[in-house]
Amino acid sequence: MIDKILFGFAAVMISEGLVYLLAPHALETLLKTLKTLSISARRQMGALLCMAGCILLALSL
């Protein structure tokens, strides 16, 4: 069980690191765009991403 959790954390860290390594300018642009959105729009986007992740996780089991 713990090995799967560690694998998940490692996969997230690798994918996050690759974004900073390969496309730092695109990440800056994305963050500037997100800054222009309202708080409620950011929360809705976060909720949708969270639900999508949960669905993907449920489908993978």
C-alpha atoms as a PDB file:
ATOM      1  CA  MET A   1       0.000   0.000   0.000  1.00  0.00           C
ATOM      2  CA  ILE A   2       2.666   2.500   1.005  1.00  0.00           C
ATOM      3  CA  ASP A   3       4.639   1.684  -2.132  1.00  0.00           C
ATOM      4  CA  LYS A   4       1.668   2.716  -4.294  1.00  0.00           C
ATOM      5  CA  ILE A   5       1.299   5.985  -2.399  1.00  0.00           C
ATOM      6  CA  LEU A   6       5.003   6.723  -2.778  1.00  0.00           C
ATOM      7  CA  PHE A   7       4.785   5.841  -6.467  1.00  0.00           C
ATOM      8  CA  GLY A   8       1.907   8.304  -6.865  1.00  0.00           C
ATOM      9  CA  PHE A   9       3.800  11.094  -5.095  1.00  0.00           C
ATOM     10  CA  ALA A  10       6.909  10.384  -7.167  1.00  0.00           C
ATOM     11  CA  ALA A  11       4.902  10.487 -10.411  1.00  0.00           C
ATOM     12  CA  VAL A  12       3.371  13.837  -9.460  1.00  0.00           C
ATOM     13  CA  MET A  13       6.773  15.266  -8.501  1.00  0.00           C
ATOM     14  CA  ILE A  14       8.324  14.105 -11.774  1.00  0.00           C
ATOM     15  CA  SER A  15       5.511  15.573 -13.884  1.00  0.00           C
ATOM     16  CA  GLU A  16       5.609  18.876 -11.951  1.00  0.00           C
ATOM     17  CA  GLY A  17       9.377  19.031 -12.288  1.00  0.00           C
ATOM     18  CA  LEU A  18       9.198  18.395 -16.028  1.00  0.00           C
ATOM     19  CA  VAL A  19       6.860  21.357 -16.459  1.00  0.00           C
ATOM     20  CA  TYR A  20       9.329  23.666 -14.712  1.00  0.00           C
ATOM     21  CA  LEU A  21      12.243  22.148 -16.633  1.00  0.00           C
ATOM     22  CA  LEU A  22      10.773  22.097 -20.136  1.00  0.00           C
ATOM     23  CA  ALA A  23       8.287  24.979 -20.223  1.00  0.00           C
ATOM     24  CA  PRO A  24       8.949  27.617 -17.559  1.00  0.00           C
ATOM     25  CA  HIS A  25       7.687  30.446 -19.782  1.00  0.00           C
ATOM     26  CA  ALA A  26       4.416  28.652 -20.489  1.00  0.00           C
ATOM     27  CA  LEU A  27       3.972  28.096 -16.764  1.00  0.00           C
ATOM     28  CA  GLU A  28       4.483  31.812 -16.098  1.00  0.00           C
ATOM     29  CA  THR A  29       1.884  32.653 -18.729  1.00  0.00           C
ATOM     30  CA  LEU A  30      -0.539  30.152 -17.218  1.00  0.00           C
ATOM     31  CA  LEU A  31      -0.082  31.601 -13.731  1.00  0.00           C
ATOM     32  CA  LYS A  32      -0.650  35.142 -15.018  1.00  0.00           C
ATOM     33  CA  THR A  33      -3.835  33.974 -16.752  1.00  0.00           C
ATOM     34  CA  LEU A  34      -5.041  32.232 -13.609  1.00  0.00           C
ATOM     35  CA  LYS A  35      -4.427  35.420 -11.655  1.00  0.00           C
ATOM     36  CA  THR A  36      -6.970  37.237 -13.829  1.00  0.00           C
ATOM     37  CA  LEU A  37      -9.732  34.722 -13.004  1.00  0.00           C
ATOM     38  CA  SER A  38     -12.077  35.303 -10.113  1.00  0.00           C
ATOM     39  CA  ILE A  39     -11.746  33.283  -6.931  1.00  0.00           C
ATOM     40  CA  SER A  40     -14.997  31.439  -7.644  1.00  0.00           C
ATOM     41  CA  ALA A  41     -13.818  30.502 -11.158  1.00  0.00           C
ATOM     42  CA  ARG A  42     -10.554  29.154  -9.713  1.00  0.00           C
ATOM     43  CA  ARG A  43     -12.490  27.152  -7.120  1.00  0.00           C
ATOM     44  CA  GLN A  44     -14.774  25.714  -9.800  1.00  0.00           C
ATOM     45  CA  MET A  45     -11.763  24.736 -11.898  1.00  0.00           C
ATOM     46  CA  GLY A  46     -10.149  23.140  -8.847  1.00  0.00           C
ATOM     47  CA  ALA A  47     -13.314  21.206  -8.047  1.00  0.00           C
ATOM     48  CA  LEU A  48     -13.593  19.957 -11.641  1.00  0.00           C
ATOM     49  CA  LEU A  49      -9.966  18.859 -11.678  1.00  0.00           C
ATOM     50  CA  CYS A  50     -10.386  17.122  -8.340  1.00  0.00           C
ATOM     51  CA  MET A  51     -13.493  15.277  -9.543  1.00  0.00           C
ATOM     52  CA  ALA A  52     -11.765  14.296 -12.781  1.00  0.00           C
ATOM     53  CA  GLY A  53      -8.815  12.940 -10.809  1.00  0.00           C
ATOM     54  CA  CYS A  54     -11.119  10.961  -8.530  1.00  0.00           C
ATOM     55  CA  ILE A  55     -12.927   9.484 -11.531  1.00  0.00           C
ATOM     56  CA  LEU A  56      -9.646   8.511 -13.180  1.00  0.00           C
ATOM     57  CA  LEU A  57      -8.448   6.969  -9.934  1.00  0.00           C
ATOM     58  CA  ALA A  58     -11.699   5.007  -9.543  1.00  0.00           C
ATOM     59  CA  LEU A  59     -11.482   3.756 -13.123  1.00  0.00           C
ATOM     60  CA  SER A  60      -7.910   2.607 -12.633  1.00  0.00           C
ATOM     61  CA  LEU A  61      -8.794   0.368  -9.659  1.00  0.00           C
END
